[in-house]
C-alpha atoms as a PDB file:
ATOM      1  CA  MET A   1     -12.386 -67.343   9.811  1.00  0.00           C
ATOM      2  CA  TRP A   2     -14.915 -64.618   9.200  1.00  0.00           C
ATOM      3  CA  ALA A   3     -14.572 -62.376   6.399  1.00  0.00           C
ATOM      4  CA  ASN A   4     -14.918 -58.527   7.125  1.00  0.00           C
ATOM      5  CA  SER A   5     -18.299 -57.070   6.326  1.00  0.00           C
ATOM      6  CA  PRO A   6     -18.303 -54.313   3.826  1.00  0.00           C
ATOM      7  CA  ILE A   7     -19.088 -51.763   6.552  1.00  0.00           C
ATOM      8  CA  GLU A   8     -15.791 -52.709   8.271  1.00  0.00           C
ATOM      9  CA  VAL A   9     -13.873 -52.637   4.954  1.00  0.00           C
ATOM     10  CA  VAL A  10     -15.147 -49.245   4.162  1.00  0.00           C
ATOM     11  CA  LEU A  11     -14.370 -47.998   7.668  1.00  0.00           C
ATOM     12  CA  ALA A  12     -10.948 -49.194   7.527  1.00  0.00           C
ATOM     13  CA  ILE A  13     -10.465 -47.513   4.115  1.00  0.00           C
ATOM     14  CA  VAL A  14     -11.842 -44.054   5.656  1.00  0.00           C
ATOM     15  CA  LEU A  15      -9.429 -44.338   8.702  1.00  0.00           C
ATOM     16  CA  ALA A  16      -6.498 -45.025   6.703  1.00  0.00           C
ATOM     17  CA  LEU A  17      -7.108 -42.267   4.266  1.00  0.00           C
ATOM     18  CA  ALA A  18      -7.776 -39.882   7.176  1.00  0.00           C
ATOM     19  CA  GLY A  19      -4.420 -40.925   8.723  1.00  0.00           C
ATOM     20  CA  VAL A  20      -2.621 -40.139   5.162  1.00  0.00           C
ATOM     21  CA  ALA A  21      -4.434 -36.747   5.014  1.00  0.00           C
ATOM     22  CA  ALA A  22      -3.607 -35.894   8.579  1.00  0.00           C
ATOM     23  CA  GLY A  23       0.127 -36.745   8.035  1.00  0.00           C
ATOM     24  CA  ALA A  24       0.379 -34.794   4.655  1.00  0.00           C
ATOM     25  CA  LEU A  25      -1.155 -31.653   6.500  1.00  0.00           C
ATOM     26  CA  LEU A  26       1.311 -32.184   9.302  1.00  0.00           C
ATOM     27  CA  ALA A  27       4.306 -32.410   6.919  1.00  0.00           C
ATOM     28  CA  GLN A  28       2.939 -29.613   4.662  1.00  0.00           C
ATOM     29  CA  GLN A  29       2.872 -27.333   7.829  1.00  0.00           C
ATOM     30  CA  ARG A  30       6.404 -28.187   8.917  1.00  0.00           C
ATOM     31  CA  LEU A  31       7.819 -27.739   5.528  1.00  0.00           C
ATOM     32  CA  ARG A  32       6.114 -24.240   5.163  1.00  0.00           C
ATOM     33  CA  LEU A  33       8.246 -23.053   8.131  1.00  0.00           C
ATOM     34  CA  SER A  34      11.480 -21.041   7.347  1.00  0.00           C
ATOM     35  CA  GLY A  35      14.712 -22.133   9.253  1.00  0.00           C
ATOM     36  CA  GLY A  36      15.424 -25.350  10.714  1.00  0.00           C
ATOM     37  CA  ASN A  37      18.374 -27.584   9.933  1.00  0.00           C
ATOM     38  CA  ASN A  38      18.499 -27.057   6.253  1.00  0.00           C
ATOM     39  CA  PRO A  39      22.100 -26.692   5.314  1.00  0.00           C
ATOM     40  CA  ASP A  40      21.131 -24.788   2.079  1.00  0.00           C
ATOM     41  CA  GLU A  41      19.898 -21.939   4.194  1.00  0.00           C
ATOM     42  CA  LEU A  42      21.617 -18.623   5.573  1.00  0.00           C
ATOM     43  CA  HIS A  43      20.037 -16.346   8.027  1.00  0.00           C
ATOM     44  CA  VAL A  44      20.896 -12.531   7.713  1.00  0.00           C
ATOM     45  CA  GLY A  45      18.994 -10.681  10.350  1.00  0.00           C
ATOM     46  CA  ALA A  46      15.341 -11.233  10.082  1.00  0.00           C
ATOM     47  CA  TRP A  47      15.945 -12.709   6.756  1.00  0.00           C
ATOM     48  CA  THR A  48      16.525 -16.222   5.314  1.00  0.00           C
ATOM     49  CA  ILE A  49      18.015 -17.125   2.045  1.00  0.00           C
ATOM     50  CA  ASN A  50      18.385 -20.539   0.411  1.00  0.00           C
ATOM     51  CA  THR A  51      21.654 -20.444  -1.353  1.00  0.00           C
ATOM     52  CA  LEU A  52      20.609 -23.265  -3.713  1.00  0.00           C
ATOM     53  CA  ALA A  53      16.988 -22.445  -4.585  1.00  0.00           C
ATOM     54  CA  GLY A  54      16.411 -23.159  -8.193  1.00  0.00           C
ATOM     55  CA  SER A  55      19.750 -25.228  -8.537  1.00  0.00           C
ATOM     56  CA  LYS A  56      20.027 -28.759  -9.486  1.00  0.00           C
ATOM     57  CA  ALA A  57      22.318 -29.032  -6.247  1.00  0.00           C
ATOM     58  CA  ALA A  58      19.460 -28.109  -3.956  1.00  0.00           C
ATOM     59  CA  ASN A  59      18.550 -30.775  -1.302  1.00  0.00           C
ATOM     60  CA  ALA A  60      15.354 -32.704  -0.809  1.00  0.00           C
ATOM     61  CA  LEU A  61      14.071 -30.165   1.791  1.00  0.00           C
ATOM     62  CA  THR A  62      14.824 -27.253  -0.287  1.00  0.00           C
ATOM     63  CA  ARG A  63      12.842 -28.822  -3.295  1.00  0.00           C
ATOM     64  CA  ALA A  64       9.908 -29.827  -1.054  1.00  0.00           C
ATOM     65  CA  ARG A  65       9.742 -26.124   0.534  1.00  0.00           C
ATOM     66  CA  ILE A  66       9.707 -24.599  -2.986  1.00  0.00           C
ATOM     67  CA  ALA A  67       6.896 -27.008  -4.085  1.00  0.00           C
ATOM     68  CA  ILE A  68       4.798 -26.302  -1.081  1.00  0.00           C
ATOM     69  CA  SER A  69       5.041 -22.520  -1.333  1.00  0.00           C
ATOM     70  CA  GLY A  70       4.373 -22.379  -4.993  1.00  0.00           C
ATOM     71  CA  ILE A  71       7.326 -20.301  -5.771  1.00  0.00           C
ATOM     72  CA  LEU A  72       8.865 -20.966  -9.298  1.00  0.00           C
ATOM     73  CA  ALA A  73      12.457 -20.337  -8.214  1.00  0.00           C
ATOM     74  CA  LEU A  74      14.872 -19.155 -11.044  1.00  0.00           C
ATOM     75  CA  ASP A  75      18.547 -19.794 -11.273  1.00  0.00           C
ATOM     76  CA  ARG A  76      20.192 -17.476  -8.787  1.00  0.00           C
ATOM     77  CA  LYS A  77      22.174 -15.690 -11.501  1.00  0.00           C
ATOM     78  CA  GLU A  78      18.589 -14.518 -12.494  1.00  0.00           C
ATOM     79  CA  THR A  79      17.018 -14.052  -9.069  1.00  0.00           C
ATOM     80  CA  VAL A  80      17.976 -14.424  -5.398  1.00  0.00           C
ATOM     81  CA  TYR A  81      15.251 -14.778  -2.836  1.00  0.00           C
ATOM     82  CA  TYR A  82      15.252 -13.644   0.807  1.00  0.00           C
ATOM     83  CA  PHE A  83      12.449 -14.608   3.092  1.00  0.00           C
ATOM     84  CA  CYS A  84      11.040 -12.881   6.195  1.00  0.00           C
ATOM     85  CA  HIS A  85       8.616 -14.393   8.700  1.00  0.00           C
ATOM     86  CA  ASN A  86       9.797 -12.536  11.946  1.00  0.00           C
ATOM     87  CA  ASP A  87      11.016  -9.178  12.767  1.00  0.00           C
ATOM     88  CA  ASP A  88      14.475  -8.206  13.784  1.00  0.00           C
ATOM     89  CA  ASN A  89      13.677  -9.197  17.233  1.00  0.00           C
ATOM     90  CA  GLY A  90      12.438 -12.541  16.345  1.00  0.00           C
ATOM     91  CA  ALA A  91       8.654 -11.636  16.818  1.00  0.00           C
ATOM     92  CA  PRO A  92       6.498 -13.350  14.149  1.00  0.00           C
ATOM     93  CA  LEU A  93       4.788 -10.736  11.794  1.00  0.00           C
ATOM     94  CA  ASP A  94       1.488 -10.219  13.055  1.00  0.00           C
ATOM     95  CA  PRO A  95      -1.002  -8.724  10.391  1.00  0.00           C
ATOM     96  CA  ASP A  96      -2.923  -7.129  13.001  1.00  0.00           C
ATOM     97  CA  ALA A  97       0.039  -4.777  13.764  1.00  0.00           C
ATOM     98  CA  ASP A  98       1.906  -2.389  11.618  1.00  0.00           C
ATOM     99  CA  TRP A  99       5.503  -3.052  10.527  1.00  0.00           C
ATOM    100  CA  GLU A 100       8.114  -0.860   9.086  1.00  0.00           C
ATOM    101  CA  ILE A 101      10.964  -2.012   6.639  1.00  0.00           C
ATOM    102  CA  THR A 102      13.763   0.327   6.199  1.00  0.00           C
ATOM    103  CA  GLY A 103      17.047  -0.036   4.089  1.00  0.00           C
ATOM    104  CA  GLN A 104      18.874   1.139   1.088  1.00  0.00           C
ATOM    105  CA  SER A 105      18.813  -0.221  -2.548  1.00  0.00           C
ATOM    106  CA  PHE A 106      20.465  -3.342  -3.521  1.00  0.00           C
ATOM    107  CA  ASP A 107      23.230  -4.051  -6.136  1.00  0.00           C
ATOM    108  CA  CYS A 108      20.942  -5.619  -8.860  1.00  0.00           C
ATOM    109  CA  ARG A 109      19.118  -4.674 -11.931  1.00  0.00           C
ATOM    110  CA  TRP A 110      15.698  -4.605 -10.173  1.00  0.00           C
ATOM    111  CA  TRP A 111      14.385  -5.624  -6.622  1.00  0.00           C
ATOM    112  CA  SER A 112      11.058  -5.992  -5.144  1.00  0.00           C
ATOM    113  CA  PHE A 113       9.221  -6.767  -1.571  1.00  0.00           C
ATOM    114  CA  THR A 114       6.162  -8.920  -1.950  1.00  0.00           C
ATOM    115  CA  LEU A 115       3.642  -9.760   0.915  1.00  0.00           C
ATOM    116  CA  TYR A 116       2.033 -13.137   1.114  1.00  0.00           C
ATOM    117  CA  ASP A 117      -0.829 -14.628   3.333  1.00  0.00           C
ATOM    118  CA  GLU A 118      -1.020 -17.730   5.351  1.00  0.00           C
ATOM    119  CA  GLU A 119      -1.359 -19.911   2.103  1.00  0.00           C
ATOM    120  CA  PHE A 120       1.424 -18.044   0.276  1.00  0.00           C
ATOM    121  CA  PHE A 121      -0.957 -16.186  -2.011  1.00  0.00           C
ATOM    122  CA  LEU A 122      -0.880 -12.569  -2.745  1.00  0.00           C
ATOM    123  CA  VAL A 123      -2.622 -10.565  -0.129  1.00  0.00           C
ATOM    124  CA  ASP A 124      -6.169  -9.319  -1.571  1.00  0.00           C
ATOM    125  CA  ASN A 125      -6.686  -5.750  -1.251  1.00  0.00           C
ATOM    126  CA  PRO A 126      -8.669  -3.001  -2.614  1.00  0.00           C
ATOM    127  CA  ALA A 127      -5.641  -1.041  -3.794  1.00  0.00           C
ATOM    128  CA  ARG A 128      -4.440  -3.961  -5.700  1.00  0.00           C
ATOM    129  CA  ARG A 129      -0.947  -3.232  -4.642  1.00  0.00           C
ATOM    130  CA  TYR A 130       1.007  -6.447  -4.117  1.00  0.00           C
ATOM    131  CA  SER A 131       4.643  -5.241  -4.069  1.00  0.00           C
ATOM    132  CA  VAL A 132       6.899  -2.269  -3.481  1.00  0.00           C
ATOM    133  CA  HIS A 133       9.649  -2.268  -5.992  1.00  0.00           C
ATOM    134  CA  SER A 134      12.595  -0.391  -7.231  1.00  0.00           C
ATOM    135  CA  ASP A 135      10.350   1.240  -9.922  1.00  0.00           C
ATOM    136  CA  ASN A 136       7.442   2.428  -7.647  1.00  0.00           C
ATOM    137  CA  VAL A 137       9.055   3.095  -4.270  1.00  0.00           C
ATOM    138  CA  VAL A 138       9.253   6.461  -2.836  1.00  0.00           C
ATOM    139  CA  PHE A 139      12.879   7.171  -1.567  1.00  0.00           C
ATOM    140  CA  ASN A 140      13.763   9.310   1.293  1.00  0.00           C
ATOM    141  CA  PRO A 141      15.936  12.454   0.419  1.00  0.00           C
ATOM    142  CA  ASP A 142      19.009  10.408   1.651  1.00  0.00           C
ATOM    143  CA  GLY A 143      18.328   7.585  -0.794  1.00  0.00           C
ATOM    144  CA  SER A 144      16.693   5.154   1.803  1.00  0.00           C
ATOM    145  CA  TYR A 145      13.397   4.006   1.871  1.00  0.00           C
ATOM    146  CA  ARG A 146      10.654   3.121   4.397  1.00  0.00           C
ATOM    147  CA  ILE A 147       7.882   0.645   3.592  1.00  0.00           C
ATOM    148  CA  VAL A 148       5.048   0.038   6.070  1.00  0.00           C
ATOM    149  CA  ILE A 149       2.866  -3.142   6.438  1.00  0.00           C
ATOM    150  CA  SER A 150      -0.615  -2.547   7.581  1.00  0.00           C
ATOM    151  CA  ARG A 151      -4.166  -3.386   7.157  1.00  0.00           C
ATOM    152  CA  ASN A 152      -4.935   0.236   6.868  1.00  0.00           C
ATOM    153  CA  GLN A 153      -3.692   2.604   4.046  1.00  0.00           C
ATOM    154  CA  HIS A 154      -0.407   4.009   4.979  1.00  0.00           C
ATOM    155  CA  GLY A 155       1.427   6.298   2.539  1.00  0.00           C
ATOM    156  CA  ALA A 156       3.124   5.806  -0.504  1.00  0.00           C
ATOM    157  CA  ASN A 157       5.151   2.773   0.257  1.00  0.00           C
ATOM    158  CA  TRP A 158       2.435   0.610   1.637  1.00  0.00           C
ATOM    159  CA  LEU A 159       1.949  -3.071   1.619  1.00  0.00           C
ATOM    160  CA  ALA A 160      -1.546  -4.063   2.437  1.00  0.00           C
ATOM    161  CA  ALA A 161      -2.126  -6.823   4.955  1.00  0.00           C
ATOM    162  CA  GLY A 162      -5.687  -7.136   4.037  1.00  0.00           C
ATOM    163  CA  ASN A 163      -7.617  -9.834   5.907  1.00  0.00           C
ATOM    164  CA  ALA A 164      -4.572 -12.151   6.012  1.00  0.00           C
ATOM    165  CA  LYS A 165      -4.308 -14.376   9.068  1.00  0.00           C
ATOM    166  CA  LYS A 166      -0.456 -14.589   8.767  1.00  0.00           C
ATOM    167  CA  ILE A 167       1.912 -12.712   6.651  1.00  0.00           C
ATOM    168  CA  SER A 168       5.392 -13.069   5.251  1.00  0.00           C
ATOM    169  CA  LEU A 169       7.787 -11.297   3.110  1.00  0.00           C
ATOM    170  CA  THR A 170       9.750 -12.131  -0.025  1.00  0.00           C
ATOM    171  CA  LEU A 171      12.545 -10.008  -1.342  1.00  0.00           C
ATOM    172  CA  ARG A 172      13.694 -10.625  -4.783  1.00  0.00           C
ATOM    173  CA  LEU A 173      16.832  -9.525  -6.241  1.00  0.00           C
ATOM    174  CA  TYR A 174      16.893  -9.702 -10.070  1.00  0.00           C
ATOM    175  CA  ASN A 175      20.011 -10.072 -12.021  1.00  0.00           C
ATOM    176  CA  PRO A 176      22.219  -9.448  -8.795  1.00  0.00           C
ATOM    177  CA  SER A 177      25.825  -8.291  -9.169  1.00  0.00           C
ATOM    178  CA  ASP A 178      28.683 -10.932  -8.745  1.00  0.00           C
ATOM    179  CA  MET A 179      29.425  -9.127  -5.483  1.00  0.00           C
ATOM    180  CA  VAL A 180      26.052 -10.228  -4.063  1.00  0.00           C
ATOM    181  CA  LEU A 181      26.240 -13.819  -5.549  1.00  0.00           C
ATOM    182  CA  ASN A 182      29.555 -14.227  -4.045  1.00  0.00           C
ATOM    183  CA  ASN A 183      28.413 -13.223  -0.563  1.00  0.00           C
ATOM    184  CA  LEU A 184      24.922 -13.882  -0.270  1.00  0.00           C
ATOM    185  CA  GLY A 185      25.085 -13.737   3.546  1.00  0.00           C
ATOM    186  CA  GLY A 186      26.824 -10.351   3.422  1.00  0.00           C
ATOM    187  CA  VAL A 187      24.302  -8.399   1.899  1.00  0.00           C
ATOM    188  CA  LYS A 188      22.999  -5.486   3.769  1.00  0.00           C
ATOM    189  CA  MET A 189      19.403  -6.406   4.552  1.00  0.00           C
ATOM    190  CA  PRO A 190      16.705  -3.998   5.646  1.00  0.00           C
ATOM    191  CA  THR A 191      15.614  -3.796   9.190  1.00  0.00           C
ATOM    192  CA  VAL A 192      12.158  -4.952  10.040  1.00  0.00           C
ATOM    193  CA  ARG A 193      10.504  -3.458  13.107  1.00  0.00           C
ATOM    194  CA  ARG A 194       6.968  -3.303  14.683  1.00  0.00           C
ATOM    195  CA  LEU A 195       5.598   0.178  14.706  1.00  0.00           C
ATOM    196  CA  THR A 196       4.138   1.633  17.939  1.00  0.00           C
ATOM    197  CA  ALA A 197       0.598   2.997  18.094  1.00  0.00           C
ATOM    198  CA  GLN A 198       1.769   6.458  18.186  1.00  0.00           C
ATOM    199  CA  LYS A 199       4.245   6.298  15.133  1.00  0.00           C
ATOM    200  CA  SER A 200       1.721   4.159  13.277  1.00  0.00           C
ATOM    201  CA  ALA A 201      -0.968   6.901  13.540  1.00  0.00           C
ATOM    202  CA  ALA A 202       1.532   9.666  12.301  1.00  0.00           C
END
């Protein structure tokens, strides 16, 4: 029986490593996706919340998604997280389009909307503005807010899409009230809609 040559051994190792790497990339891509059959997750309009993120009771899929996205999840008494990858009609958030988020304040000590790119990093932009939150948001006279996601500067409540290839939103509610914690799926969530060209230019 002939022994394998050094070249054959090296080739076998390279192919094995390539297979492992390809499998890891595929698994990573699937884990990045929100939704699916994760029993820890609730869907509220365009938003998804994982009710056990940061908890010892979180299942393996929850823990893996948190590890992949790089989010250090605090206990939900400290912070609850809502994620958005699509608008109210289910269309993916396209960074080449302009998007409008409208809603009211939340029953918590402090809240923030943060935009992330395809690698779950903050979106680099010349304005160095990475979130709209309860301390810097400009409210409408009726107490509501309107936030615009766009590549181009767009008013006071602007989240810059920069050169991102994909975008997603994270809404954080810090020190939420007991009413929020006891009914995470009942929180009135903001709407997420695509702006028409005419409205975007206004």
